[in-house]
Amino acid sequence: MDLLRTFANESSIHGLAHLVRNQHWLEKAFWLAMLVFSVVCSVSICNMHWERFQNNATVLNVETDYLSWQFRPPAATVCSDHVNEENLNQLLQRHWNVDSNHSSYEDYRQFLLTVTRARYDNLKTFEPFVNDTRLASVSVIDLARELKSPLTPPWKTFAPVLTEVGVCYSSTMLYDFQSPYSNRSQANYTKVRPADCYTLDVCRTMVAMSHVDSIRNDVYIHIEQDIMTADSSIHYVLGQHDIISSSLSVEQVVASKALVQLSRRRRKCRLPSERLLHFNVKPHNHARKNIHFSSGVLFSISWCAKVYTINLCRVSCRIDAALELCGCVPFFYNIGKTSCPPAGLYCLGVHFRAWYKTNCTCQPLCESVSFKQVLVKKTVLEQANSKLETQIIYPRMRMKRDVLFDISNLIVSLGGAAALFLGCSFISFVEVIFFVLEYVTKKVYHHYHRERDPGQS
């Protein structure tokens, strides 16, 4: 009680002194009620600010200073229906010792054509080959790659990739994650990086087909910092002599440098350098690649480490679903795990919605770019090869993720609530600690001297 009286008389917390003075009990009851009310209000407001600091620390602002903005042109993934007939016959001879005169020639040929035409949404076509034991030990990845050989990119910005629609060529920055080679050290492609674009530039992406004998070419337009997935890309179909011109608008979200310092739970978005299951690639050059945020933040990612993007997250989720449902991974996800034989691919075709349409919880990237088709024009020129040209319409407004409520705002808010309701400050809480330590020290001191001098009262 002595400690409490001393603390109440000397503390800078308002109202405590009235509780220990010789006043009427009604006055003491009044001040006690006011103190309880003030403590409850102060704790409630401090808790509200703490919740805001933990869960609502960021805000989306609008930016309009477009003259200084910098963009990366979109990437294209080109998929052709071209099949190398010479390679097809060589594969038949090598794996099954079958030529055109063999009785099973058509069966094996049909299997190879099914492999080269395999897509994420037509895996039921492997049903005729489910019980054929002669096909179970063959690597579907190797067959798909060799049937499309030679793997020559259509342009120096492209590299061969293995996608959900088969073997293609892509200008994505993450082409290493879609390597069609079982041994990734065989992939020795040096892909040229296109130049940056600015708001006032006329920025175009052009794709010209080199396979003149292809009846159909599928071109998927997507961002350069992600892989292609068939369900999240702008898709064009080019015939043999089609010329397509399109205009794309850009929607962009950038992040401030302060946002990068927050934990993932507080910023509610992910950085491209954060980990993601299943994609741990160590290519031939052991290189490091840089991913630039539009706001100037730079992430250096080692390709023997893991990387996060939205489409890689979705693919990782689909891989988990495929392993759970059918015990294998479709060959177009070349991640080094058990690749599906024909029976496994048919199993995935039967459970298509369960493994491909599975609900995946993928947090957005802190900085993102998306393209939307605004205009498309298609013409046919009989004497020309097929070609796609996209022109980028750059925005004059974009969103920016920024930190609205940081640690300094939290301290100010907590101090303001304590000062408003209790009239106290940081020194007031130091006084509490001081009085407790002083009281404990005196008690220990008196106890120690009584033991040394028992006759002293």
Protein backbone atom coordinates (compact mmCIF):
# COMPACT_ATOMS: atom_id res chain seq x y z
CA MET A 1 0.00 0.00 0.00
CA ASP A 2 2.89 2.35 0.65
CA LEU A 3 4.15 1.70 -2.87
CA LEU A 4 0.71 2.38 -4.36
CA ARG A 5 0.27 5.60 -2.37
CA THR A 6 3.70 6.85 -3.36
CA PHE A 7 3.12 5.98 -7.00
CA ALA A 8 -0.35 7.56 -7.06
CA ASN A 9 0.89 10.79 -5.49
CA GLU A 10 3.94 11.19 -7.70
CA SER A 11 2.80 9.67 -11.01
CA SER A 12 2.04 11.93 -13.96
CA ILE A 13 -1.05 9.86 -14.80
CA HIS A 14 -3.97 12.16 -14.14
CA GLY A 15 -6.56 11.21 -11.53
CA LEU A 16 -4.50 8.74 -9.49
CA ALA A 17 -3.62 11.31 -6.84
CA HIS A 18 -7.32 11.87 -6.03
CA LEU A 19 -7.66 8.22 -4.98
CA VAL A 20 -5.16 8.47 -2.11
CA ARG A 21 -5.99 11.92 -0.72
CA ASN A 22 -8.24 12.44 2.31
CA GLN A 23 -11.41 13.11 0.38
CA HIS A 24 -15.01 12.04 0.61
CA TRP A 25 -15.65 8.52 -0.59
CA LEU A 26 -18.00 9.83 -3.29
CA GLU A 27 -15.14 11.85 -4.77
CA LYS A 28 -12.90 8.79 -4.71
CA ALA A 29 -15.63 6.69 -6.34
CA PHE A 30 -16.07 9.33 -9.05
CA TRP A 31 -12.37 9.47 -9.85
CA LEU A 32 -12.10 5.66 -9.80
CA ALA A 33 -14.96 5.39 -12.29
CA MET A 34 -13.36 8.01 -14.53
CA LEU A 35 -10.01 6.22 -14.39
CA VAL A 36 -11.59 2.87 -15.28
CA PHE A 37 -13.48 4.50 -18.16
CA SER A 38 -10.30 6.19 -19.41
CA VAL A 39 -8.27 2.97 -19.24
CA VAL A 40 -10.94 1.02 -21.14
CA CYS A 41 -11.17 3.67 -23.87
CA SER A 42 -7.40 3.98 -24.15
CA VAL A 43 -6.87 0.21 -24.41
CA SER A 44 -9.69 -0.09 -26.96
CA ILE A 45 -8.29 2.63 -29.22
CA CYS A 46 -4.72 1.32 -28.88
CA ASN A 47 -5.93 -2.15 -29.84
CA MET A 48 -7.74 -0.70 -32.87
CA HIS A 49 -4.55 1.03 -34.03
CA TRP A 50 -2.54 -2.15 -33.48
CA GLU A 51 -4.97 -4.15 -35.63
CA ARG A 52 -4.69 -1.51 -38.33
CA PHE A 53 -0.89 -1.65 -38.14
CA GLN A 54 -0.95 -5.43 -38.52
CA ASN A 55 -3.68 -5.90 -41.13
CA ASN A 56 -4.30 -2.63 -42.99
CA ALA A 57 -0.92 -1.01 -43.31
CA THR A 58 -0.99 -0.45 -47.09
CA VAL A 59 -3.00 1.66 -49.49
CA LEU A 60 -3.48 1.93 -53.26
CA ASN A 61 -2.85 5.42 -54.62
CA VAL A 62 -3.32 6.77 -58.12
CA GLU A 63 -0.26 8.02 -60.02
CA THR A 64 -0.49 10.26 -63.08
CA ASP A 65 3.11 11.39 -63.75
CA TYR A 66 3.24 9.14 -66.81
CA LEU A 67 6.06 10.93 -68.66
CA SER A 68 8.72 9.13 -66.61
CA TRP A 69 7.20 5.64 -66.65
CA GLN A 70 9.11 2.70 -68.07
CA PHE A 71 7.61 -0.55 -69.38
CA ARG A 72 8.67 -3.93 -70.63
CA PRO A 73 7.12 -5.08 -73.91
CA PRO A 74 4.86 -8.15 -73.71
CA ALA A 75 6.19 -11.63 -74.33
CA ALA A 76 4.83 -14.00 -76.95
CA THR A 77 4.62 -17.79 -76.90
CA VAL A 78 4.28 -19.36 -80.34
CA CYS A 79 2.94 -22.90 -80.77
CA SER A 80 2.78 -24.60 -84.15
CA ASP A 81 1.03 -27.73 -85.37
CA HIS A 82 4.08 -28.57 -87.47
CA VAL A 83 5.37 -32.16 -87.03
CA ASN A 84 8.71 -33.32 -88.37
CA GLU A 85 7.81 -36.46 -90.35
CA GLU A 86 11.43 -37.55 -90.60
CA ASN A 87 11.78 -37.46 -86.83
CA LEU A 88 8.49 -39.33 -86.46
CA ASN A 89 9.71 -42.24 -88.60
CA GLN A 90 13.05 -42.29 -86.80
CA LEU A 91 11.31 -42.50 -83.43
CA LEU A 92 9.16 -45.39 -84.62
CA GLN A 93 12.27 -47.23 -85.77
CA ARG A 94 14.32 -46.45 -82.67
CA HIS A 95 11.78 -47.23 -79.95
CA TRP A 96 9.71 -50.03 -81.49
CA ASN A 97 11.64 -51.11 -84.60
CA VAL A 98 8.61 -50.32 -86.75
CA ASP A 99 8.55 -49.05 -90.34
CA SER A 100 5.76 -48.23 -92.76
CA ASN A 101 5.34 -51.90 -93.70
CA HIS A 102 4.80 -53.08 -90.15
CA SER A 103 1.29 -54.12 -89.08
CA SER A 104 1.42 -51.88 -85.99
CA TYR A 105 2.78 -48.88 -87.85
CA GLU A 106 -0.49 -46.92 -87.78
CA ASP A 107 -1.04 -47.62 -84.10
CA TYR A 108 2.36 -46.31 -83.09
CA ARG A 109 2.12 -43.41 -85.51
CA GLN A 110 -1.22 -42.43 -84.01
CA PHE A 111 0.32 -42.52 -80.53
CA LEU A 112 3.11 -40.14 -81.58
CA LEU A 113 0.62 -37.79 -83.20
CA THR A 114 -1.44 -37.88 -80.01
CA VAL A 115 1.68 -36.91 -78.04
CA THR A 116 2.56 -34.00 -80.29
CA ARG A 117 -1.05 -32.71 -80.24
CA ALA A 118 -1.48 -33.22 -76.49
CA ARG A 119 -2.82 -30.24 -74.57
CA TYR A 120 -3.98 -29.65 -71.05
CA ASP A 121 -7.63 -30.00 -72.17
CA ASN A 122 -7.53 -33.05 -74.49
CA LEU A 123 -5.73 -35.70 -72.42
CA LYS A 124 -8.67 -38.09 -72.85
CA THR A 125 -7.27 -38.81 -76.33
CA PHE A 126 -4.75 -41.12 -74.62
CA GLU A 127 -7.56 -43.60 -73.79
CA PRO A 128 -6.68 -46.08 -76.63
CA PHE A 129 -3.13 -46.41 -75.22
CA VAL A 130 -3.95 -46.90 -71.53
CA ASN A 131 -3.43 -50.69 -71.47
CA ASP A 132 -0.57 -50.85 -74.00
CA THR A 133 2.43 -52.03 -71.95
CA ARG A 134 4.80 -51.28 -74.84
CA LEU A 135 4.24 -47.53 -74.29
CA ALA A 136 4.48 -47.38 -70.51
CA SER A 137 8.28 -47.11 -70.36
CA VAL A 138 8.67 -44.45 -73.06
CA SER A 139 9.44 -40.86 -71.99
CA VAL A 140 6.59 -38.73 -73.32
CA ILE A 141 8.68 -35.57 -72.75
CA ASP A 142 11.45 -36.86 -75.05
CA LEU A 143 8.93 -37.87 -77.70
CA ALA A 144 7.23 -34.47 -77.65
CA ARG A 145 10.55 -32.65 -77.90
CA GLU A 146 12.00 -34.76 -80.72
CA LEU A 147 8.82 -34.62 -82.78
CA LYS A 148 9.14 -30.83 -82.88
CA SER A 149 12.88 -30.83 -83.60
CA PRO A 150 14.88 -29.02 -84.71
CA LEU A 151 14.15 -26.63 -81.87
CA THR A 152 15.07 -23.43 -83.68
CA PRO A 153 13.51 -20.28 -82.23
CA PRO A 154 11.67 -18.12 -84.76
CA TRP A 155 13.60 -15.04 -83.58
CA LYS A 156 16.59 -14.29 -81.36
CA THR A 157 14.31 -13.17 -78.52
CA PHE A 158 12.68 -16.64 -78.37
CA ALA A 159 13.69 -19.90 -76.71
CA PRO A 160 12.07 -23.37 -76.80
CA VAL A 161 9.68 -24.08 -73.95
CA LEU A 162 7.37 -26.89 -72.86
CA THR A 163 3.92 -25.46 -72.11
CA GLU A 164 0.42 -26.66 -71.36
CA VAL A 165 -0.21 -26.79 -75.10
CA GLY A 166 2.97 -28.66 -76.01
CA VAL A 167 6.42 -27.68 -77.24
CA CYS A 168 6.48 -24.00 -78.21
CA TYR A 169 8.81 -21.00 -78.46
CA SER A 170 8.60 -18.13 -76.03
CA SER A 171 10.19 -14.76 -75.31
CA THR A 172 9.40 -14.99 -71.60
CA MET A 173 12.15 -14.10 -69.16
CA LEU A 174 11.45 -17.34 -67.24
CA TYR A 175 12.00 -19.75 -70.15
CA ASP A 176 14.33 -21.86 -67.97
CA PHE A 177 11.34 -23.01 -65.93
CA GLN A 178 9.73 -24.49 -69.05
CA SER A 179 12.76 -26.18 -70.54
CA PRO A 180 11.78 -29.13 -72.78
CA TYR A 181 15.02 -30.93 -71.94
CA SER A 182 15.17 -33.66 -69.32
CA ASN A 183 18.73 -32.60 -68.57
CA ARG A 184 18.56 -28.83 -68.37
CA SER A 185 22.29 -28.47 -69.01
CA GLN A 186 21.52 -29.29 -72.67
CA ALA A 187 19.61 -26.03 -73.01
CA ASN A 188 22.21 -23.60 -74.29
CA TYR A 189 20.10 -20.74 -75.55
CA THR A 190 21.13 -17.13 -75.13
CA LYS A 191 17.91 -15.17 -75.51
CA VAL A 192 18.18 -11.51 -76.45
CA ARG A 193 16.39 -9.10 -74.14
CA PRO A 194 14.17 -6.60 -75.98
CA ALA A 195 14.65 -2.93 -75.29
CA ASP A 196 12.57 -1.07 -72.71
CA CYS A 197 9.63 1.08 -73.75
CA TYR A 198 8.59 4.46 -72.43
CA THR A 199 5.21 6.10 -72.37
CA LEU A 200 5.83 8.32 -75.39
CA ASP A 201 7.39 5.51 -77.45
CA VAL A 202 5.64 3.57 -80.19
CA CYS A 203 6.21 0.10 -78.77
CA ARG A 204 5.44 -2.96 -80.90
CA THR A 205 5.92 -6.70 -80.62
CA MET A 206 6.09 -8.68 -83.85
CA VAL A 207 5.94 -12.44 -84.40
CA ALA A 208 6.60 -13.81 -87.90
CA MET A 209 6.08 -17.52 -88.52
CA SER A 210 8.99 -19.48 -89.96
CA HIS A 211 7.12 -22.77 -90.55
CA VAL A 212 5.43 -22.15 -93.89
CA ASP A 213 4.01 -25.70 -93.90
CA SER A 214 2.10 -25.16 -90.64
CA ILE A 215 -1.63 -24.93 -91.11
CA ARG A 216 -2.25 -23.41 -87.68
CA ASN A 217 -0.13 -21.33 -85.34
CA ASP A 218 -1.26 -20.33 -81.86
CA VAL A 219 0.25 -17.18 -80.38
CA TYR A 220 -0.21 -16.33 -76.70
CA ILE A 221 0.58 -12.80 -75.49
CA HIS A 222 1.47 -12.41 -71.81
CA ILE A 223 3.82 -10.48 -69.56
CA GLU A 224 7.54 -11.06 -69.92
CA GLN A 225 8.10 -11.74 -66.19
CA ASP A 226 5.88 -14.83 -66.13
CA ILE A 227 5.36 -18.10 -67.97
CA MET A 228 2.49 -18.76 -70.34
CA THR A 229 -0.59 -20.63 -69.20
CA ALA A 230 -3.36 -21.22 -71.68
CA ASP A 231 -6.12 -19.89 -69.45
CA SER A 232 -4.55 -16.53 -68.62
CA SER A 233 -3.06 -15.24 -71.88
CA ILE A 234 -4.34 -13.31 -74.89
CA HIS A 235 -4.70 -15.88 -77.65
CA TYR A 236 -4.52 -15.47 -81.43
CA VAL A 237 -4.85 -18.17 -84.10
CA LEU A 238 -2.81 -17.61 -87.25
CA GLY A 239 -3.50 -19.49 -90.46
CA GLN A 240 -0.95 -19.93 -93.22
CA HIS A 241 -1.37 -16.44 -94.69
CA ASP A 242 -3.01 -14.49 -91.87
CA ILE A 243 -1.78 -11.02 -90.92
CA ILE A 244 -3.11 -9.89 -87.54
CA SER A 245 -2.68 -6.43 -86.07
CA SER A 246 -3.82 -5.82 -82.51
CA SER A 247 -3.72 -3.05 -79.94
CA LEU A 248 -3.26 -3.82 -76.25
CA SER A 249 -3.84 -1.61 -73.25
CA VAL A 250 -1.70 -1.82 -70.13
CA GLU A 251 -2.86 -1.96 -66.52
CA GLN A 252 -0.04 -1.58 -64.03
CA VAL A 253 0.40 -1.67 -60.26
CA VAL A 254 3.74 -0.52 -58.81
CA ALA A 255 5.11 -0.63 -55.27
CA SER A 256 7.04 1.81 -53.13
CA LYS A 257 10.41 0.91 -51.65
CA ALA A 258 8.93 1.07 -48.15
CA LEU A 259 6.43 -1.68 -49.02
CA VAL A 260 9.22 -4.18 -49.69
CA GLN A 261 10.35 -3.92 -46.06
CA LEU A 262 7.01 -5.14 -44.68
CA SER A 263 6.26 -8.77 -43.88
CA ARG A 264 4.16 -10.70 -46.39
CA ARG A 265 1.18 -10.80 -44.02
CA ARG A 266 1.18 -7.03 -43.62
CA ARG A 267 1.71 -6.09 -47.26
CA LYS A 268 -0.76 -8.77 -48.54
CA CYS A 269 1.26 -9.39 -51.68
CA ARG A 270 4.38 -11.31 -52.64
CA LEU A 271 7.76 -10.38 -54.05
CA PRO A 272 9.22 -12.15 -57.11
CA SER A 273 12.16 -13.36 -55.00
CA GLU A 274 9.99 -15.35 -52.57
CA ARG A 275 9.88 -19.13 -52.54
CA LEU A 276 7.51 -21.36 -54.48
CA LEU A 277 7.30 -25.14 -54.38
CA HIS A 278 8.31 -27.37 -57.33
CA PHE A 279 10.31 -24.78 -59.28
CA ASN A 280 13.94 -25.14 -58.31
CA VAL A 281 15.87 -24.79 -61.54
CA LYS A 282 19.65 -24.84 -61.89
CA PRO A 283 20.44 -24.23 -65.57
CA HIS A 284 23.71 -24.59 -67.42
CA ASN A 285 25.08 -21.11 -66.80
CA HIS A 286 24.16 -20.85 -63.08
CA ALA A 287 23.31 -17.26 -63.88
CA ARG A 288 21.59 -14.64 -61.87
CA LYS A 289 18.84 -12.63 -63.48
CA ASN A 290 17.48 -9.30 -62.41
CA ILE A 291 13.80 -8.50 -62.12
CA HIS A 292 13.11 -4.78 -62.02
CA PHE A 293 10.13 -3.31 -60.28
CA SER A 294 8.71 -0.38 -62.20
CA SER A 295 9.25 1.82 -59.17
CA GLY A 296 12.99 1.18 -59.30
CA VAL A 297 13.28 -1.72 -56.83
CA LEU A 298 15.61 -4.41 -58.14
CA PHE A 299 15.52 -8.10 -57.24
CA SER A 300 18.38 -10.35 -58.23
CA ILE A 301 17.17 -13.94 -58.51
CA SER A 302 19.50 -16.89 -58.69
CA TRP A 303 18.10 -19.57 -60.97
CA CYS A 304 19.18 -22.26 -58.53
CA ALA A 305 16.71 -20.63 -56.11
CA LYS A 306 12.94 -20.49 -56.15
CA VAL A 307 10.84 -17.79 -57.76
CA TYR A 308 7.26 -16.63 -57.33
CA THR A 309 4.88 -15.55 -60.08
CA ILE A 310 1.11 -15.89 -60.39
CA ASN A 311 1.22 -18.48 -63.18
CA LEU A 312 4.00 -20.49 -61.52
CA CYS A 313 1.85 -20.54 -58.39
CA ARG A 314 -1.13 -21.86 -60.37
CA VAL A 315 1.01 -24.49 -62.07
CA SER A 316 2.43 -25.55 -58.70
CA CYS A 317 -1.13 -25.93 -57.39
CA ARG A 318 -2.10 -28.03 -60.44
CA ILE A 319 0.95 -30.23 -59.98
CA ASP A 320 -0.10 -30.96 -56.40
CA ALA A 321 -3.63 -31.80 -57.58
CA ALA A 322 -2.30 -34.10 -60.32
CA LEU A 323 -0.04 -35.94 -57.88
CA GLU A 324 -2.94 -36.39 -55.47
CA LEU A 325 -5.43 -37.59 -58.10
CA CYS A 326 -3.30 -39.70 -60.45
CA GLY A 327 0.10 -40.04 -58.75
CA CYS A 328 2.07 -38.36 -61.55
CA VAL A 329 2.72 -35.04 -63.29
CA PRO A 330 1.73 -34.30 -66.92
CA PHE A 331 4.76 -34.16 -69.17
CA PHE A 332 4.35 -30.47 -69.99
CA TYR A 333 5.29 -29.65 -66.37
CA ASN A 334 8.92 -30.71 -66.62
CA ILE A 335 9.95 -30.40 -62.95
CA GLY A 336 11.87 -33.66 -62.47
CA LYS A 337 9.05 -35.54 -60.75
CA THR A 338 7.30 -38.71 -61.97
CA SER A 339 6.01 -37.97 -65.47
CA CYS A 340 2.67 -39.50 -66.41
CA PRO A 341 2.54 -42.51 -68.77
CA PRO A 342 -0.45 -42.74 -71.14
CA ALA A 343 -2.61 -44.21 -68.35
CA GLY A 344 -1.76 -41.29 -66.06
CA LEU A 345 -2.49 -38.73 -68.78
CA TYR A 346 -5.87 -40.34 -69.42
CA CYS A 347 -6.53 -40.25 -65.67
CA LEU A 348 -5.89 -36.50 -65.70
CA GLY A 349 -8.20 -36.14 -68.69
CA VAL A 350 -10.99 -37.88 -66.78
CA HIS A 351 -10.41 -35.66 -63.73
CA PHE A 352 -9.77 -32.51 -65.76
CA ARG A 353 -11.86 -30.13 -63.67
CA ALA A 354 -10.47 -31.52 -60.41
CA TRP A 355 -6.80 -31.00 -61.27
CA TYR A 356 -6.77 -28.07 -63.73
CA LYS A 357 -9.68 -26.03 -62.39
CA THR A 358 -8.68 -26.59 -58.77
CA ASN A 359 -9.07 -23.57 -56.49
CA CYS A 360 -5.60 -22.14 -55.99
CA THR A 361 -4.92 -19.42 -53.44
CA CYS A 362 -2.22 -17.32 -55.06
CA GLN A 363 -1.41 -13.97 -53.53
CA PRO A 364 -0.91 -11.18 -56.07
CA LEU A 365 2.51 -9.76 -56.78
CA CYS A 366 3.27 -6.42 -55.20
CA GLU A 367 3.98 -5.11 -58.68
CA SER A 368 2.08 -6.41 -61.65
CA VAL A 369 1.37 -5.67 -65.29
CA SER A 370 -1.55 -6.98 -67.30
CA PHE A 371 -2.53 -6.55 -70.94
CA LYS A 372 -6.03 -6.28 -72.36
CA GLN A 373 -7.02 -6.48 -75.99
CA VAL A 374 -8.49 -3.23 -77.30
CA LEU A 375 -8.57 -3.73 -81.06
CA VAL A 376 -7.74 -6.56 -83.47
CA LYS A 377 -7.67 -6.57 -87.26
CA LYS A 378 -7.13 -9.64 -89.43
CA THR A 379 -6.28 -9.78 -93.14
CA VAL A 380 -5.25 -12.60 -95.48
CA LEU A 381 -2.38 -12.20 -97.98
CA GLU A 382 -1.92 -15.29 -100.12
CA GLN A 383 1.71 -14.54 -100.94
CA ALA A 384 2.84 -13.80 -97.36
CA ASN A 385 3.68 -15.88 -94.34
CA SER A 386 1.54 -15.44 -91.25
CA LYS A 387 2.45 -12.59 -88.91
CA LEU A 388 1.20 -10.99 -85.71
CA GLU A 389 1.94 -7.41 -84.72
CA THR A 390 0.84 -5.93 -81.41
CA GLN A 391 0.97 -2.25 -80.56
CA ILE A 392 0.95 -1.16 -76.93
CA ILE A 393 -1.32 1.65 -75.76
CA TYR A 394 0.34 2.85 -72.59
CA PRO A 395 -1.69 4.28 -69.72
CA ARG A 396 -1.63 7.74 -68.24
CA MET A 397 -2.76 6.47 -64.87
CA ARG A 398 -1.61 3.58 -62.70
CA MET A 399 -1.97 2.32 -59.15
CA LYS A 400 0.79 2.38 -56.55
CA ARG A 401 0.97 0.25 -53.41
CA ASP A 402 2.35 2.28 -50.55
CA VAL A 403 2.68 2.08 -46.79
CA LEU A 404 -0.04 4.12 -45.11
CA PHE A 405 0.47 3.13 -41.48
CA ASP A 406 4.05 2.40 -40.45
CA ILE A 407 5.73 2.08 -37.04
CA SER A 408 6.02 5.87 -36.58
CA ASN A 409 2.28 6.29 -37.18
CA LEU A 410 1.61 3.50 -34.68
CA ILE A 411 3.71 5.18 -31.97
CA VAL A 412 2.00 8.52 -32.56
CA SER A 413 -1.46 6.90 -32.44
CA LEU A 414 -0.76 4.96 -29.24
CA GLY A 415 0.77 8.03 -27.57
CA GLY A 416 -2.17 10.20 -28.61
CA ALA A 417 -4.72 7.76 -27.16
CA ALA A 418 -2.80 7.48 -23.87
CA ALA A 419 -2.39 11.25 -23.61
CA LEU A 420 -6.04 12.00 -24.41
CA PHE A 421 -7.61 9.65 -21.89
CA LEU A 422 -4.92 9.35 -19.17
CA GLY A 423 -2.79 12.44 -19.67
CA CYS A 424 0.31 10.25 -19.55
CA SER A 425 3.38 9.94 -21.76
CA PHE A 426 6.34 7.67 -22.23
CA ILE A 427 7.84 9.00 -18.97
CA SER A 428 4.69 7.91 -17.11
CA PHE A 429 5.32 4.27 -18.03
CA VAL A 430 8.98 4.67 -17.06
CA GLU A 431 7.77 5.88 -13.66
CA VAL A 432 5.78 2.67 -13.16
CA ILE A 433 8.91 0.59 -13.76
CA PHE A 434 10.99 2.92 -11.56
CA PHE A 435 8.63 2.75 -8.56
CA VAL A 436 8.41 -1.06 -8.78
CA LEU A 437 12.19 -1.43 -8.98
CA GLU A 438 12.66 1.06 -6.13
CA TYR A 439 10.21 -0.84 -3.92
CA VAL A 440 11.77 -4.24 -4.68
CA THR A 441 15.30 -2.88 -4.10
CA LYS A 442 14.36 -1.45 -0.67
CA LYS A 443 12.73 -4.71 0.40
CA VAL A 444 15.77 -6.75 -0.64
CA TYR A 445 18.09 -4.28 1.06
CA HIS A 446 16.19 -4.42 4.41
CA HIS A 447 15.88 -8.21 4.26
CA TYR A 448 19.61 -8.58 3.60
CA HIS A 449 20.59 -6.36 6.60
CA ARG A 450 18.15 -8.09 8.96
CA GLU A 451 19.81 -11.43 8.21
CA ARG A 452 23.29 -10.03 8.86
CA ASP A 453 22.25 -8.25 12.11
CA PRO A 454 19.38 -10.27 13.73
CA GLY A 455 19.34 -8.05 16.85
CA GLN A 456 18.49 -4.98 14.76
CA SER A 457 14.79 -4.41 14.57
